[in-house]
Amino acid sequence: MPALTDLMRDRKFTPMTSPALVQGLKQLGVEPGVVLMVHVRMSAFRWVVGGIDTIVEALREAVGPSGTLLAFTGWEDSPYHVPMWDEHPEWQAAYRDHQPAFNPAVSSARRDFGRFPERLRTWPGARRSAHPEASFAALGPRAERLLADQRDDDPFGVDSPLERLCEHGGQVLLLGAPLSRLTLCHHAEALTDLPSRRFHTFRAPVAGIGVREYRMIDTFYGAFPYYEDGRGIDSPVRTMAEQAVASGAGRSTQIGTATAWLFETRPTVVAVRTWLEREFG
């Protein structure tokens, strides 16, 4: 956030408030009763009266008591990358021997996802899924159904929170966040069964269970060969999101100083899968 004194010198700037945010969300098309997956970049608003708590409260008001909020939390220090550290066996040993177990109730969300996932995870009544790398948090009447039985070997695909988000005809909101944050694209990748699709395997300690092996599409180097054959794709998720926008599945508006995008889940997945099959089939 900019310094408060600097913002006060800007006579044209007005801090974002809860009523203004709710009004903007409704004008964008956020529907009461919807399952809404949210990505937030607070700095896009420059200043929010009440901070991240205001963001959560405004979102809850926009979806209403029958609506449900969903966020991708991950895990702050997931061992996803440990198998890639072959040149640093001392690091691998440190994680193998001393990493605390993942506990959905207390393990922090990834900080690079912004402040919203951790705030939603810790909100009274919120629930969290049990996958150490690809965990989600949800708040609302559909939370338990969204998060139940997430698979160890396909956390973004079949029976995932993202699949259930689509089943409910949900929406995805990028609130000041860039198109490269559209996690729903990983669901399309997981469903696109092509020979060039890539996977990653790692082990993680889980509270009450012990060390388990997990397998998922490779979200770090890319589920498909995005960086090869001269394609020039520097941001795969952003590129996939742009396909959804071009198909009409996403729309945007300005809420204060922040650009907000709203995507309809099913058309988005169709558009991204169509592009993936064309590019890598």
Protein backbone atom coordinates (compact mmCIF):
# COMPACT_ATOMS: atom_id res chain seq x y z
CA MET A 1 0.00 0.00 0.00
CA PRO A 2 1.23 3.58 -0.70
CA ALA A 3 1.96 5.82 2.27
CA LEU A 4 -1.18 7.42 3.67
CA THR A 5 0.33 10.90 3.55
CA ASP A 6 1.16 10.49 -0.14
CA LEU A 7 -2.40 9.46 -0.96
CA MET A 8 -3.85 12.39 0.99
CA ARG A 9 -1.94 14.76 -1.26
CA ASP A 10 -3.88 13.37 -4.22
CA ARG A 11 -7.09 15.38 -4.04
CA LYS A 12 -8.68 13.30 -6.79
CA PHE A 13 -8.29 10.02 -4.92
CA THR A 14 -11.05 8.59 -2.72
CA PRO A 15 -10.42 5.49 -0.57
CA MET A 16 -12.35 2.36 -1.48
CA THR A 17 -15.26 1.64 0.88
CA SER A 18 -17.45 -1.40 1.39
CA PRO A 19 -20.61 0.14 -0.19
CA ALA A 20 -18.64 1.24 -3.27
CA LEU A 21 -17.08 -2.20 -3.62
CA VAL A 22 -20.42 -4.01 -3.28
CA GLN A 23 -21.96 -1.72 -5.88
CA GLY A 24 -19.08 -2.36 -8.28
CA LEU A 25 -19.31 -6.13 -7.82
CA LYS A 26 -23.03 -6.14 -8.54
CA GLN A 27 -22.58 -3.99 -11.63
CA LEU A 28 -19.89 -6.40 -12.85
CA GLY A 29 -22.34 -9.28 -12.56
CA VAL A 30 -21.56 -11.07 -9.28
CA GLU A 31 -24.78 -12.93 -8.54
CA PRO A 32 -26.45 -13.51 -5.16
CA GLY A 33 -26.23 -17.19 -4.19
CA VAL A 34 -23.29 -17.89 -6.51
CA VAL A 35 -20.17 -19.88 -5.73
CA LEU A 36 -17.52 -17.22 -6.28
CA MET A 37 -13.81 -17.98 -6.47
CA VAL A 38 -11.81 -14.85 -5.68
CA HIS A 39 -8.27 -13.60 -6.32
CA VAL A 40 -7.40 -10.20 -4.82
CA ARG A 41 -4.55 -7.73 -5.24
CA MET A 42 -5.10 -5.16 -2.51
CA SER A 43 -2.53 -2.68 -3.84
CA ALA A 44 -4.67 -2.13 -6.95
CA PHE A 45 -7.13 -0.17 -4.78
CA ARG A 46 -4.32 2.00 -3.32
CA TRP A 47 -6.28 2.25 -0.04
CA VAL A 48 -9.28 0.33 1.36
CA VAL A 49 -11.13 1.59 4.43
CA GLY A 50 -10.97 -1.38 6.83
CA GLY A 51 -8.35 -3.26 4.82
CA ILE A 52 -8.71 -6.93 3.92
CA ASP A 53 -11.61 -7.41 6.34
CA THR A 54 -13.64 -4.96 4.27
CA ILE A 55 -12.87 -6.97 1.14
CA VAL A 56 -14.20 -10.17 2.72
CA GLU A 57 -17.30 -8.49 4.14
CA ALA A 58 -18.11 -6.82 0.82
CA LEU A 59 -17.74 -10.11 -1.03
CA ARG A 60 -20.02 -11.83 1.49
CA GLU A 61 -22.62 -9.12 1.02
CA ALA A 62 -22.41 -9.37 -2.77
CA VAL A 63 -23.02 -13.15 -2.83
CA GLY A 64 -25.52 -13.05 0.04
CA PRO A 65 -26.17 -15.65 2.75
CA SER A 66 -26.76 -18.42 0.19
CA GLY A 67 -23.53 -17.68 -1.67
CA THR A 68 -20.12 -19.26 -1.07
CA LEU A 69 -16.64 -17.78 -1.38
CA LEU A 70 -13.70 -19.89 -2.57
CA ALA A 71 -9.95 -19.16 -2.60
CA PHE A 72 -6.83 -21.04 -3.63
CA THR A 73 -4.61 -21.15 -0.54
CA GLY A 74 -1.81 -23.61 -1.23
CA TRP A 75 0.70 -23.98 1.62
CA GLU A 76 3.28 -21.38 2.60
CA ASP A 77 6.26 -23.78 2.54
CA SER A 78 5.05 -26.71 0.47
CA PRO A 79 7.75 -29.28 -0.41
CA TYR A 80 6.61 -29.28 -4.05
CA HIS A 81 10.04 -28.09 -5.23
CA VAL A 82 12.20 -30.35 -3.05
CA PRO A 83 12.62 -33.11 -5.71
CA MET A 84 14.06 -30.47 -8.07
CA TRP A 85 16.94 -29.63 -5.70
CA ASP A 86 19.26 -32.47 -6.68
CA GLU A 87 22.27 -30.12 -6.59
CA HIS A 88 21.48 -29.21 -2.97
CA PRO A 89 21.16 -32.47 -1.01
CA GLU A 90 21.55 -30.59 2.27
CA TRP A 91 18.36 -28.67 1.53
CA GLN A 92 16.56 -31.86 0.59
CA ALA A 93 17.69 -33.49 3.82
CA ALA A 94 16.53 -30.50 5.89
CA TYR A 95 13.04 -30.73 4.42
CA ARG A 96 12.93 -34.51 4.55
CA ASP A 97 13.94 -34.64 8.20
CA HIS A 98 12.49 -31.50 9.74
CA GLN A 99 9.56 -30.05 7.81
CA PRO A 100 6.46 -29.64 10.01
CA ALA A 101 3.45 -31.62 8.83
CA PHE A 102 0.75 -29.94 6.80
CA ASN A 103 -2.33 -29.29 8.93
CA PRO A 104 -5.31 -27.82 7.05
CA ALA A 105 -6.54 -26.13 10.23
CA VAL A 106 -3.36 -24.16 10.96
CA SER A 107 -0.85 -24.25 8.06
CA SER A 108 -0.58 -20.82 6.46
CA ALA A 109 -1.65 -20.01 2.93
CA ARG A 110 1.04 -18.97 0.46
CA ARG A 111 2.01 -15.34 0.94
CA ASP A 112 2.59 -14.74 -2.77
CA PHE A 113 -1.12 -15.36 -3.35
CA GLY A 114 -1.82 -12.12 -1.48
CA ARG A 115 -3.62 -11.43 1.79
CA PHE A 116 -7.06 -12.71 0.82
CA PRO A 117 -6.55 -16.52 0.91
CA GLU A 118 -5.11 -16.45 4.43
CA ARG A 119 -7.85 -14.10 5.64
CA LEU A 120 -10.58 -16.29 4.18
CA ARG A 121 -8.95 -19.41 5.58
CA THR A 122 -8.99 -17.95 9.09
CA TRP A 123 -12.48 -16.43 8.89
CA PRO A 124 -14.94 -17.95 11.40
CA GLY A 125 -16.76 -20.87 9.80
CA ALA A 126 -14.35 -21.28 6.88
CA ARG A 127 -13.22 -24.74 5.76
CA ARG A 128 -10.10 -25.91 3.96
CA SER A 129 -9.30 -28.89 1.75
CA ALA A 130 -6.63 -31.40 2.71
CA HIS A 131 -4.16 -31.26 -0.20
CA PRO A 132 -0.82 -29.79 0.97
CA GLU A 133 0.11 -28.11 -2.32
CA ALA A 134 -3.27 -27.39 -3.91
CA SER A 135 -5.50 -26.67 -0.92
CA PHE A 136 -8.51 -24.37 -1.15
CA ALA A 137 -10.52 -22.51 1.48
CA ALA A 138 -14.25 -21.86 1.29
CA LEU A 139 -16.82 -19.95 3.33
CA GLY A 140 -20.56 -20.44 2.93
CA PRO A 141 -23.22 -23.13 2.71
CA ARG A 142 -21.53 -25.04 -0.15
CA ALA A 143 -18.06 -25.02 1.40
CA GLU A 144 -18.06 -28.60 2.63
CA ARG A 145 -19.22 -30.02 -0.69
CA LEU A 146 -16.70 -27.93 -2.66
CA LEU A 147 -13.73 -29.16 -0.64
CA ALA A 148 -14.56 -32.78 0.17
CA ASP A 149 -12.49 -35.72 -1.10
CA GLN A 150 -9.91 -33.77 -3.11
CA ARG A 151 -7.70 -36.35 -4.82
CA ASP A 152 -3.99 -36.79 -4.05
CA ASP A 153 -3.20 -37.55 -7.70
CA ASP A 154 -5.40 -34.97 -9.46
CA PRO A 155 -6.12 -31.99 -7.15
CA PHE A 156 -7.14 -29.66 -10.01
CA GLY A 157 -9.09 -32.19 -12.09
CA VAL A 158 -11.87 -34.67 -11.41
CA ASP A 159 -13.55 -34.29 -7.99
CA SER A 160 -11.53 -31.15 -7.30
CA PRO A 161 -12.86 -27.90 -5.82
CA LEU A 162 -12.48 -26.40 -9.29
CA GLU A 163 -14.65 -29.09 -10.87
CA ARG A 164 -17.33 -28.53 -8.24
CA LEU A 165 -17.08 -24.79 -8.77
CA CYS A 166 -17.97 -25.47 -12.41
CA GLU A 167 -20.73 -27.92 -11.48
CA HIS A 168 -22.40 -25.18 -9.46
CA GLY A 169 -22.19 -22.76 -12.40
CA GLY A 170 -19.82 -20.61 -10.38
CA GLN A 171 -17.89 -17.48 -11.24
CA VAL A 172 -14.26 -16.41 -10.78
CA LEU A 173 -13.44 -12.86 -9.74
CA LEU A 174 -10.06 -11.21 -10.26
CA LEU A 175 -10.34 -8.21 -7.96
CA GLY A 176 -7.41 -6.07 -8.97
CA ALA A 177 -5.47 -9.27 -9.65
CA PRO A 178 -3.92 -9.85 -13.10
CA LEU A 179 -5.12 -12.44 -15.60
CA SER A 180 -2.12 -14.58 -14.70
CA ARG A 181 -3.88 -15.41 -11.40
CA LEU A 182 -6.78 -17.29 -13.04
CA THR A 183 -6.26 -20.63 -11.27
CA LEU A 184 -9.28 -22.09 -13.05
CA CYS A 185 -6.99 -22.57 -16.06
CA HIS A 186 -5.28 -25.41 -14.17
CA HIS A 187 -8.60 -27.26 -14.18
CA ALA A 188 -8.69 -27.06 -17.97
CA GLU A 189 -5.09 -28.32 -18.10
CA ALA A 190 -5.93 -31.23 -15.80
CA LEU A 191 -8.87 -32.26 -17.99
CA THR A 192 -7.01 -31.98 -21.31
CA ASP A 193 -5.65 -35.52 -21.73
CA LEU A 194 -2.90 -35.19 -24.35
CA PRO A 195 0.44 -37.07 -24.65
CA SER A 196 2.39 -33.84 -24.12
CA ARG A 197 0.83 -33.17 -20.70
CA ARG A 198 3.38 -33.11 -17.88
CA PHE A 199 3.14 -34.23 -14.26
CA HIS A 200 5.10 -33.67 -11.07
CA THR A 201 5.49 -36.00 -8.09
CA PHE A 202 6.57 -35.04 -4.58
CA ARG A 203 6.23 -36.22 -0.99
CA ALA A 204 4.80 -34.24 1.92
CA PRO A 205 4.18 -34.87 5.64
CA VAL A 206 0.53 -34.53 6.67
CA ALA A 207 -0.72 -34.28 10.24
CA GLY A 208 -2.37 -37.47 11.46
CA ILE A 209 -1.36 -39.38 8.31
CA GLY A 210 2.41 -39.23 7.87
CA VAL A 211 4.41 -38.78 4.69
CA ARG A 212 2.41 -39.27 1.50
CA GLU A 213 3.23 -39.11 -2.20
CA TYR A 214 1.34 -36.65 -4.40
CA ARG A 215 1.09 -36.43 -8.17
CA MET A 216 -0.33 -33.50 -10.10
CA ILE A 217 0.05 -31.58 -13.33
CA ASP A 218 3.26 -29.57 -13.35
CA THR A 219 2.18 -26.03 -12.47
CA PHE A 220 5.78 -24.77 -12.12
CA TYR A 221 7.49 -25.69 -15.41
CA GLY A 222 4.15 -25.99 -17.17
CA ALA A 223 1.59 -28.73 -17.67
CA PHE A 224 2.31 -28.46 -21.40
CA PRO A 225 5.49 -27.40 -23.30
CA TYR A 226 4.59 -23.72 -23.26
CA TYR A 227 8.19 -22.51 -23.44
CA GLU A 228 9.33 -24.75 -26.27
CA ASP A 229 9.13 -24.82 -30.09
CA GLY A 230 9.37 -21.04 -30.33
CA ARG A 231 5.88 -20.41 -28.98
CA GLY A 232 6.98 -17.38 -26.98
CA ILE A 233 4.45 -17.94 -24.20
CA ASP A 234 5.96 -16.11 -21.23
CA SER A 235 2.85 -16.46 -19.00
CA PRO A 236 0.81 -19.59 -19.73
CA VAL A 237 -2.05 -18.77 -17.34
CA ARG A 238 -2.37 -15.24 -18.67
CA THR A 239 -2.36 -16.57 -22.24
CA MET A 240 -5.09 -19.10 -21.37
CA ALA A 241 -7.13 -16.41 -19.63
CA GLU A 242 -6.87 -14.27 -22.75
CA GLN A 243 -8.45 -17.11 -24.75
CA ALA A 244 -11.38 -17.06 -22.34
CA VAL A 245 -11.72 -13.29 -22.70
CA ALA A 246 -11.64 -13.57 -26.49
CA SER A 247 -14.41 -16.19 -26.35
CA GLY A 248 -16.65 -13.91 -24.29
CA ALA A 249 -16.34 -15.90 -21.07
CA GLY A 250 -14.78 -13.01 -19.15
CA ARG A 251 -15.67 -9.36 -18.73
CA SER A 252 -14.11 -6.46 -16.84
CA THR A 253 -14.92 -3.16 -15.19
CA GLN A 254 -13.18 -0.54 -13.12
CA ILE A 255 -13.90 -0.45 -9.39
CA GLY A 256 -12.14 2.58 -8.01
CA THR A 257 -8.53 2.33 -9.16
CA ALA A 258 -8.68 -1.46 -9.60
CA THR A 259 -9.55 -3.43 -12.70
CA ALA A 260 -11.92 -6.29 -11.89
CA TRP A 261 -12.51 -9.33 -14.12
CA LEU A 262 -15.40 -11.76 -13.81
CA PHE A 263 -15.26 -15.14 -15.56
CA GLU A 264 -18.06 -17.67 -16.03
CA THR A 265 -16.50 -21.00 -15.16
CA ARG A 266 -17.92 -23.44 -17.70
CA PRO A 267 -17.36 -21.28 -20.81
CA THR A 268 -13.88 -20.44 -19.54
CA VAL A 269 -12.88 -24.09 -19.23
CA VAL A 270 -14.28 -24.84 -22.70
CA ALA A 271 -12.34 -21.95 -24.25
CA VAL A 272 -9.07 -22.91 -22.56
CA ARG A 273 -9.39 -26.60 -23.43
CA THR A 274 -10.12 -25.71 -27.05
CA TRP A 275 -6.94 -23.65 -27.18
CA LEU A 276 -4.83 -26.33 -25.45
CA GLU A 277 -6.02 -29.03 -27.84
CA ARG A 278 -5.29 -26.80 -30.82
CA GLU A 279 -1.81 -25.89 -29.60
CA PHE A 280 -0.63 -29.20 -28.13
CA GLY A 281 -2.87 -31.91 -29.59
